[in-house]
C-alpha atoms as a PDB file:
ATOM      1  CA  MET A   1      63.222  22.923 119.376  1.00  0.00           C
ATOM      2  CA  MET A   2      61.402  26.030 118.228  1.00  0.00           C
ATOM      3  CA  THR A   3      59.997  26.475 114.718  1.00  0.00           C
ATOM      4  CA  ILE A   4      58.793  29.857 113.451  1.00  0.00           C
ATOM      5  CA  SER A   5      58.095  31.353 110.054  1.00  0.00           C
ATOM      6  CA  LEU A   6      60.882  33.218 108.306  1.00  0.00           C
ATOM      7  CA  LYS A   7      58.689  36.322 108.377  1.00  0.00           C
ATOM      8  CA  ASP A   8      58.400  36.168 112.179  1.00  0.00           C
ATOM      9  CA  TYR A   9      62.093  35.394 112.596  1.00  0.00           C
ATOM     10  CA  VAL A  10      63.063  38.382 110.445  1.00  0.00           C
ATOM     11  CA  SER A  11      60.687  40.662 112.344  1.00  0.00           C
ATOM     12  CA  GLU A  12      62.531  39.705 115.557  1.00  0.00           C
ATOM     13  CA  ILE A  13      66.150  40.059 114.413  1.00  0.00           C
ATOM     14  CA  GLY A  14      66.098  41.811 111.011  1.00  0.00           C
ATOM     15  CA  GLN A  15      66.980  40.731 107.491  1.00  0.00           C
ATOM     16  CA  VAL A  16      70.733  41.266 107.782  1.00  0.00           C
ATOM     17  CA  ARG A  17      71.147  39.144 110.925  1.00  0.00           C
ATOM     18  CA  ALA A  18      68.756  36.479 109.633  1.00  0.00           C
ATOM     19  CA  GLY A  19      70.794  36.229 106.444  1.00  0.00           C
ATOM     20  CA  GLN A  20      74.068  36.012 108.346  1.00  0.00           C
ATOM     21  CA  ARG A  21      72.767  33.271 110.628  1.00  0.00           C
ATOM     22  CA  LEU A  22      71.302  31.266 107.740  1.00  0.00           C
ATOM     23  CA  GLY A  23      74.338  31.746 105.507  1.00  0.00           C
ATOM     24  CA  VAL A  24      72.636  33.788 102.794  1.00  0.00           C
ATOM     25  CA  THR A  25      72.576  37.438 101.820  1.00  0.00           C
ATOM     26  CA  GLN A  26      70.070  40.013 103.017  1.00  0.00           C
ATOM     27  CA  ILE A  27      68.850  40.217  99.420  1.00  0.00           C
ATOM     28  CA  ALA A  28      68.037  36.483  99.434  1.00  0.00           C
ATOM     29  CA  ILE A  29      66.012  36.942 102.621  1.00  0.00           C
ATOM     30  CA  SER A  30      64.178  39.891 101.094  1.00  0.00           C
ATOM     31  CA  LYS A  31      63.340  37.942  97.913  1.00  0.00           C
ATOM     32  CA  ALA A  32      62.086  34.960  99.895  1.00  0.00           C
ATOM     33  CA  LEU A  33      59.803  37.197 101.947  1.00  0.00           C
ATOM     34  CA  ARG A  34      58.448  39.051  98.903  1.00  0.00           C
ATOM     35  CA  SER A  35      57.739  35.853  96.995  1.00  0.00           C
ATOM     36  CA  GLY A  36      55.481  34.547  99.755  1.00  0.00           C
ATOM     37  CA  ARG A  37      57.303  31.212  99.970  1.00  0.00           C
ATOM     38  CA  SER A  38      56.460  28.985 102.912  1.00  0.00           C
ATOM     39  CA  ILE A  39      59.815  29.040 104.726  1.00  0.00           C
ATOM     40  CA  PHE A  40      60.298  28.147 108.381  1.00  0.00           C
ATOM     41  CA  VAL A  41      63.254  28.518 110.727  1.00  0.00           C
ATOM     42  CA  GLN A  42      64.140  25.879 113.323  1.00  0.00           C
ATOM     43  CA  ILE A  43      66.182  26.876 116.354  1.00  0.00           C
ATOM     44  CA  GLU A  44      67.569  24.165 118.611  1.00  0.00           C
ATOM     45  CA  GLU A  45      70.320  24.539 121.207  1.00  0.00           C
ATOM     46  CA  GLY A  46      72.181  27.253 119.315  1.00  0.00           C
ATOM     47  CA  HIS A  47      71.778  25.601 115.905  1.00  0.00           C
ATOM     48  CA  ILE A  48      69.637  27.213 113.251  1.00  0.00           C
ATOM     49  CA  ALA A  49      68.259  25.811 110.008  1.00  0.00           C
ATOM     50  CA  ALA A  50      65.591  26.808 107.532  1.00  0.00           C
ATOM     51  CA  PHE A  51      63.295  24.673 105.415  1.00  0.00           C
ATOM     52  CA  GLU A  52      60.601  25.273 102.847  1.00  0.00           C
ATOM     53  CA  THR A  53      57.289  23.461 102.531  1.00  0.00           C
ATOM     54  CA  LYS A  54      55.763  22.930  99.110  1.00  0.00           C
ATOM     55  CA  PRO A  55      52.593  21.245  97.946  1.00  0.00           C
ATOM     56  CA  PHE A  56      52.875  17.638  96.825  1.00  0.00           C
ATOM     57  CA  PRO A  57      52.747  16.791  94.058  1.00  0.00           C
ATOM     58  CA  ALA A  58      54.172  19.994  92.664  1.00  0.00           C
ATOM     59  CA  LYS A  59      52.405  21.439  89.634  1.00  0.00           C
ATOM     60  CA  GLN A  60      54.301  20.263  86.578  1.00  0.00           C
ATOM     61  CA  LYS A  61      54.559  21.857  83.161  1.00  0.00           C
ATOM     62  CA  SER A  62      53.144  19.911  80.258  1.00  0.00           C
ATOM     63  CA  SER A  63      55.612  17.742  78.344  1.00  0.00           C
ATOM     64  CA  ARG A  64      54.775  19.673  75.146  1.00  0.00           C
ATOM     65  CA  ARG A  65      55.868  22.930  76.758  1.00  0.00           C
ATOM     66  CA  LEU A  66      59.040  21.349  78.155  1.00  0.00           C
ATOM     67  CA  MET A  67      59.969  20.041  74.699  1.00  0.00           C
ATOM     68  CA  GLY A  68      59.300  23.399  73.056  1.00  0.00           C
ATOM     69  CA  LEU A  69      56.358  22.077  71.036  1.00  0.00           C
ATOM     70  CA  ASP A  70      53.745  24.384  72.524  1.00  0.00           C
ATOM     71  CA  HIS A  71      53.829  27.118  69.844  1.00  0.00           C
ATOM     72  CA  THR A  72      50.994  28.979  68.207  1.00  0.00           C
ATOM     73  CA  ALA A  73      50.817  29.413  64.447  1.00  0.00           C
ATOM     74  CA  ASP A  74      51.727  32.831  63.060  1.00  0.00           C
END
């Protein structure tokens, strides 16, 4: 099994082919690259899959903001 970053994978085969092989559009590949997300591609015996790593625990919004209570007075 080989694992490489999406950025490296795209530099080898291009955004259009990467999108086709991963089942997404070229635009989705472009957005993922621009956003700086930590996405990796795994290639194993002709099968390809992508996964994203994120910090744990993820930064959560405050409950006041989620409930719409975080307003300033006019």
